[in-house]
Protein backbone atom coordinates (compact mmCIF):
# COMPACT_ATOMS: atom_id res chain seq x y z
CA MET A 1 20.85 -19.19 -2.41
CA THR A 2 20.08 -18.84 1.31
CA PRO A 3 22.34 -17.70 4.18
CA GLU A 4 22.34 -21.27 5.48
CA ARG A 5 23.60 -22.63 2.15
CA VAL A 6 26.36 -19.99 1.97
CA ARG A 7 27.53 -20.89 5.47
CA ALA A 8 27.45 -24.59 4.58
CA LEU A 9 29.50 -23.85 1.47
CA LEU A 10 32.11 -21.98 3.49
CA ASP A 11 32.21 -24.79 6.04
CA ASP A 12 32.86 -27.26 3.21
CA VAL A 13 35.83 -25.16 2.09
CA ALA A 14 37.15 -24.98 5.64
CA ARG A 15 36.93 -28.76 6.00
CA GLY A 16 38.55 -29.38 2.62
CA ILE A 17 35.46 -30.93 1.05
CA LEU A 18 35.42 -28.19 -1.59
CA THR A 19 38.28 -26.19 -3.06
CA PRO A 20 38.03 -22.39 -3.01
CA GLU A 21 37.65 -22.47 -6.81
CA GLU A 22 34.72 -24.90 -6.60
CA ALA A 23 33.04 -22.70 -3.98
CA TYR A 24 33.67 -19.65 -6.14
CA GLN A 25 32.02 -21.29 -9.13
CA ARG A 26 28.93 -22.04 -7.09
CA LEU A 27 28.70 -18.52 -5.71
CA ALA A 28 29.46 -16.96 -9.09
CA TRP A 29 26.45 -18.65 -10.67
CA ALA A 30 24.49 -15.66 -11.91
CA PRO A 31 22.17 -14.39 -9.14
CA VAL A 32 19.60 -13.40 -11.77
CA GLU A 33 18.53 -16.12 -14.17
CA ASP A 34 16.99 -14.88 -17.42
CA LEU A 35 14.29 -17.22 -18.72
CA GLY A 36 13.18 -14.87 -21.47
CA PHE A 37 9.72 -14.38 -19.97
CA ALA A 38 11.02 -13.92 -16.41
CA GLN A 39 14.20 -12.98 -14.56
CA ILE A 40 14.52 -14.95 -11.35
CA ASP A 41 16.24 -13.23 -8.43
CA HIS A 42 18.02 -16.16 -6.79
CA HIS A 43 19.99 -14.07 -4.30
CA ARG A 44 17.03 -12.22 -2.79
CA ALA A 45 17.21 -14.42 0.31
CA LEU A 46 20.80 -13.24 0.87
CA ARG A 47 19.76 -9.58 0.66
CA GLN A 48 16.37 -9.67 2.37
CA GLY A 49 16.31 -12.92 4.31
CA VAL A 50 13.47 -14.41 2.27
CA PRO A 51 13.48 -15.79 -1.30
CA GLU A 52 11.54 -14.46 -4.26
CA VAL A 53 7.82 -15.31 -4.21
CA VAL A 54 6.00 -16.11 -7.45
CA TYR A 55 2.84 -14.13 -8.26
CA GLY A 56 0.74 -16.67 -10.14
CA ALA A 57 -1.95 -14.50 -11.68
CA GLY A 58 -1.45 -13.91 -15.40
CA LYS A 59 1.15 -16.64 -15.81
CA THR A 60 0.57 -19.84 -17.76
CA CYS A 61 1.00 -23.23 -16.09
CA GLU A 62 4.10 -23.84 -18.18
CA GLN A 63 5.64 -20.52 -17.14
CA LEU A 64 4.92 -21.24 -13.48
CA ARG A 65 6.30 -24.75 -13.74
CA THR A 66 9.55 -23.49 -15.31
CA ILE A 67 10.02 -20.72 -12.75
CA CYS A 68 9.35 -23.11 -9.87
CA GLU A 69 11.73 -25.70 -11.30
CA ARG A 70 14.54 -23.15 -11.37
CA LEU A 71 13.80 -21.96 -7.82
CA ALA A 72 13.59 -25.51 -6.49
CA HIS A 73 16.81 -26.45 -8.30
CA ARG A 74 18.69 -23.89 -6.22
CA GLY A 75 17.33 -25.44 -3.02
CA ASN A 76 15.11 -22.51 -2.07
CA GLY A 77 11.77 -24.20 -2.66
CA PHE A 78 9.02 -21.82 -3.78
CA LEU A 79 5.79 -20.10 -2.85
CA VAL A 80 3.23 -19.31 -5.55
CA THR A 81 0.42 -16.90 -4.65
CA ARG A 82 -2.81 -16.20 -6.55
CA ALA A 83 -2.51 -19.57 -8.29
CA ASP A 84 -5.65 -20.37 -10.31
CA ASP A 85 -7.38 -23.75 -10.42
CA ALA A 86 -5.24 -25.00 -13.30
CA ALA A 87 -1.99 -24.00 -11.60
CA ARG A 88 -3.03 -25.58 -8.30
CA LYS A 89 -3.56 -28.82 -10.20
CA ALA A 90 -0.49 -28.69 -12.48
CA LEU A 91 2.19 -27.72 -9.94
CA PRO A 92 1.65 -30.64 -7.52
CA GLU A 93 1.89 -32.99 -10.49
CA ALA A 94 5.39 -31.62 -11.15
CA PHE A 95 6.26 -31.25 -7.45
CA PRO A 96 4.56 -34.02 -5.43
CA ASP A 97 5.79 -32.60 -2.11
CA ALA A 98 4.21 -29.19 -2.73
CA GLU A 99 1.44 -28.09 -0.38
CA VAL A 100 -1.71 -26.65 -1.96
CA ASN A 101 -4.08 -24.34 -0.09
CA ASP A 102 -7.16 -23.88 -2.25
CA LEU A 103 -8.66 -21.20 -0.01
CA ALA A 104 -5.47 -19.12 -0.01
CA ARG A 105 -4.80 -19.98 -3.69
CA THR A 106 -1.20 -20.84 -2.84
CA VAL A 107 1.24 -23.62 -3.71
CA TYR A 108 4.24 -24.04 -1.40
CA LEU A 109 7.34 -26.22 -1.56
CA GLY A 110 9.64 -25.90 1.43
CA PRO A 111 13.38 -25.22 1.05
CA GLU A 112 15.97 -27.96 1.36
CA SER A 113 17.28 -26.38 4.57
CA PRO A 114 14.71 -25.01 7.06
CA THR A 115 15.09 -21.34 7.90
CA SER A 116 17.01 -20.55 11.08
CA ALA A 117 15.78 -16.97 11.38
CA ARG A 118 14.92 -15.79 14.86
CA THR A 119 11.57 -14.14 15.44
CA ARG A 120 9.97 -12.24 18.28
CA GLY A 121 6.99 -14.60 18.48
CA PRO A 122 3.86 -15.61 16.58
CA VAL A 123 2.23 -13.64 13.80
CA LEU A 124 -1.47 -13.61 14.61
CA VAL A 125 -3.89 -13.36 11.66
CA VAL A 126 -7.23 -11.98 12.85
CA THR A 127 -10.21 -12.31 10.51
CA ALA A 128 -13.36 -10.21 10.83
CA GLY A 129 -15.66 -12.60 8.98
CA THR A 130 -15.69 -15.88 7.12
CA GLY A 131 -15.96 -13.94 3.85
CA ASP A 132 -12.48 -12.53 4.53
CA LEU A 133 -10.85 -15.94 4.98
CA ALA A 134 -9.31 -16.21 1.51
CA VAL A 135 -7.23 -13.08 2.06
CA ALA A 136 -6.47 -14.08 5.66
CA GLU A 137 -5.25 -17.51 4.55
CA GLU A 138 -2.98 -15.93 1.95
CA ALA A 139 -1.45 -13.91 4.77
CA ALA A 140 -1.15 -16.93 7.08
CA VAL A 141 0.40 -19.24 4.48
CA THR A 142 2.85 -16.55 3.37
CA ALA A 143 3.88 -15.74 6.93
CA TRP A 144 4.42 -19.45 7.61
CA ALA A 145 6.42 -19.95 4.42
CA LEU A 146 8.65 -17.01 5.36
CA GLY A 147 9.57 -18.64 8.66
CA ASN A 148 7.14 -17.21 11.20
CA PRO A 149 5.16 -19.02 13.87
CA VAL A 150 1.52 -18.41 12.85
CA GLU A 151 -1.71 -18.32 14.85
CA ARG A 152 -5.24 -17.58 13.66
CA LEU A 153 -8.24 -15.86 15.24
CA THR A 154 -11.24 -16.23 12.95
CA ASP A 155 -14.66 -14.58 12.62
CA VAL A 156 -14.31 -12.01 15.41
CA GLY A 157 -15.71 -8.93 13.64
CA VAL A 158 -17.27 -5.98 15.42
CA ALA A 159 -20.83 -7.21 14.78
CA GLY A 160 -20.15 -9.37 17.84
CA LEU A 161 -17.55 -7.35 19.69
CA HIS A 162 -17.44 -9.76 22.64
CA ARG A 163 -15.72 -12.35 20.39
CA VAL A 164 -12.51 -10.41 19.99
CA LEU A 165 -12.59 -9.10 23.57
CA SER A 166 -12.74 -12.67 24.87
CA ALA A 167 -9.54 -13.53 22.96
CA ALA A 168 -7.28 -11.26 25.02
CA ASP A 169 -4.76 -14.01 25.76
CA VAL A 170 -4.29 -14.81 22.07
CA LEU A 171 -3.90 -11.13 21.22
CA ARG A 172 -1.39 -10.49 24.01
CA ARG A 173 1.05 -13.22 22.98
CA ALA A 174 1.26 -12.07 19.35
CA ALA A 175 4.47 -10.40 18.17
CA VAL A 176 2.71 -8.91 15.15
CA VAL A 177 -1.02 -8.82 14.40
CA ILE A 178 -2.48 -8.87 10.90
CA VAL A 179 -6.13 -7.78 10.89
CA VAL A 180 -8.15 -8.75 7.82
CA ALA A 181 -11.55 -7.09 7.45
CA GLY A 182 -14.02 -5.95 4.82
CA MET A 183 -17.30 -4.04 5.21
CA GLU A 184 -16.38 -0.88 7.16
CA GLY A 185 -13.01 -2.24 8.32
CA ALA A 186 -13.56 -1.29 11.95
CA LEU A 187 -11.86 -4.35 13.44
CA ALA A 188 -8.39 -2.94 12.79
CA SER A 189 -9.11 0.06 15.02
CA VAL A 190 -10.51 -2.16 17.76
CA VAL A 191 -7.49 -4.45 17.78
CA GLY A 192 -5.13 -1.49 17.45
CA GLY A 193 -6.63 -0.09 20.65
CA LEU A 194 -6.13 -3.34 22.55
CA VAL A 195 -2.58 -4.53 21.81
CA ALA A 196 0.97 -3.19 22.08
CA ALA A 197 2.22 -5.25 19.13
CA PRO A 198 2.43 -3.75 15.63
CA VAL A 199 -0.90 -4.02 13.79
CA ILE A 200 -1.03 -4.42 10.02
CA ALA A 201 -4.51 -3.88 8.59
CA VAL A 202 -5.69 -5.56 5.39
CA PRO A 203 -8.92 -4.21 3.86
CA THR A 204 -10.82 -6.73 1.77
CA SER A 205 -13.23 -6.30 -1.10
CA VAL A 206 -15.98 -8.03 0.91
CA GLY A 207 -19.06 -5.89 1.46
CA TYR A 208 -22.23 -4.45 0.00
CA GLY A 209 -22.45 -1.73 -2.64
CA ALA A 210 -21.28 1.24 -0.59
CA SER A 211 -18.15 -0.65 0.40
CA PHE A 212 -16.90 0.13 -3.13
CA ALA A 213 -15.03 -3.20 -3.42
CA GLY A 214 -12.93 -2.52 -0.33
CA LEU A 215 -12.35 1.21 -0.71
CA ALA A 216 -14.54 2.01 2.31
CA ALA A 217 -12.55 -0.38 4.51
CA LEU A 218 -9.26 0.95 3.14
CA LEU A 219 -10.16 4.56 3.95
CA ALA A 220 -11.49 3.62 7.39
CA MET A 221 -8.26 1.82 8.23
CA LEU A 222 -6.16 4.71 6.94
CA ASN A 223 -8.20 7.02 9.19
CA SER A 224 -7.99 4.77 12.24
CA CYS A 225 -7.94 6.62 15.55
CA ALA A 226 -5.87 3.79 17.03
CA ALA A 227 -2.33 5.14 16.82
CA GLY A 228 0.20 3.18 14.80
CA VAL A 229 -2.03 0.96 12.67
CA THR A 230 -0.32 0.29 9.33
CA VAL A 231 -2.41 -0.42 6.23
CA VAL A 232 -1.67 -2.39 3.06
CA ASN A 233 -3.64 -2.50 -0.18
CA ILE A 234 -7.06 -4.08 -0.67
CA ASP A 235 -6.95 -7.91 -0.49
CA ASN A 236 -3.15 -7.85 -0.09
CA GLY A 237 -2.66 -10.61 2.46
CA PHE A 238 0.72 -11.39 0.91
CA GLY A 239 2.03 -7.86 1.42
CA ALA A 240 0.85 -7.83 5.03
CA ALA A 241 2.69 -11.09 5.73
CA CYS A 242 5.91 -9.75 4.18
CA ALA A 243 5.72 -6.62 6.35
CA ALA A 244 4.98 -8.73 9.42
CA THR A 245 8.00 -10.91 8.67
CA ARG A 246 10.36 -7.95 8.53
CA ILE A 247 9.02 -6.64 11.83
CA ASN A 248 9.14 -10.07 13.44
CA ARG A 249 12.78 -10.57 12.45
CA LEU A 250 14.04 -7.32 13.94
CA CYS A 251 15.31 -9.35 16.88
CA GLU A 252 17.99 -10.72 14.53
CA LEU A 253 19.69 -7.35 14.92
CA SER A 254 20.13 -8.00 18.63
CA PRO A 255 22.78 -10.57 19.63
CA ASP A 256 20.91 -11.21 22.90
CA ALA A 257 17.58 -12.06 21.28
CA ALA A 258 16.14 -15.45 22.12
CA PRO A 259 15.54 -18.01 19.36
CA ALA A 260 12.06 -18.45 17.97
CA SER A 261 9.70 -20.93 19.55
CA ALA A 262 8.48 -23.87 17.51
CA ARG A 263 6.34 -22.76 14.61
CA ALA A 264 2.61 -23.36 14.85
CA GLY A 265 0.96 -25.41 12.11
CA ALA A 266 -0.23 -23.63 8.98
């Protein structure tokens, strides 16, 4: 259930299309649906502005298909992250309109009613190197699915510092910046020292032995001398996009905020 669907339901009552009792029955439909192996939180969009997202790792194709069927039945669509090869093949067979991103390992089916949430501007996903793209794409697809305009700035790590410095215009127009970097994770500090927008740093497990599967980048980002850089867990592009969405929707609290511009392509 989304805010748009609740408003449409109330409008139908006001116009006499539905009786109050019929509207009540629809709203009273249990917000949590117990499937035995999962409990789906159908009213999360009403509380948080975005619906529940399905973490695909560890779930069978049949479990994922059932969960997605129940989400889609309510009109919310669905986003599956960390979907393995089998899931990325099985879900589009059940949902032909679903969009698969093999690099991000996501499967996305849009909601029946597009989101009307207002945002401050684009979420910019900045990637240090091509090896970090899988995590960066997870962040970009998630941010897009949650209603943000999304832009990308790829392969601008500090090994060639001029690349990110030459992208000043792209950096300046971002409302929130997600920086995805492995190795020593220095790009987050560089970007954090250049922009006024909130910066969310995502360390990745990309790197040689002393990177300790992303721990070196994580600690470097946590110790950034650029004030205000926020850090999520290793390889957690999804979490960064969720945080960026909450920041980007703060303008909804202001009645004078301008509506979002048209979303960029994912």
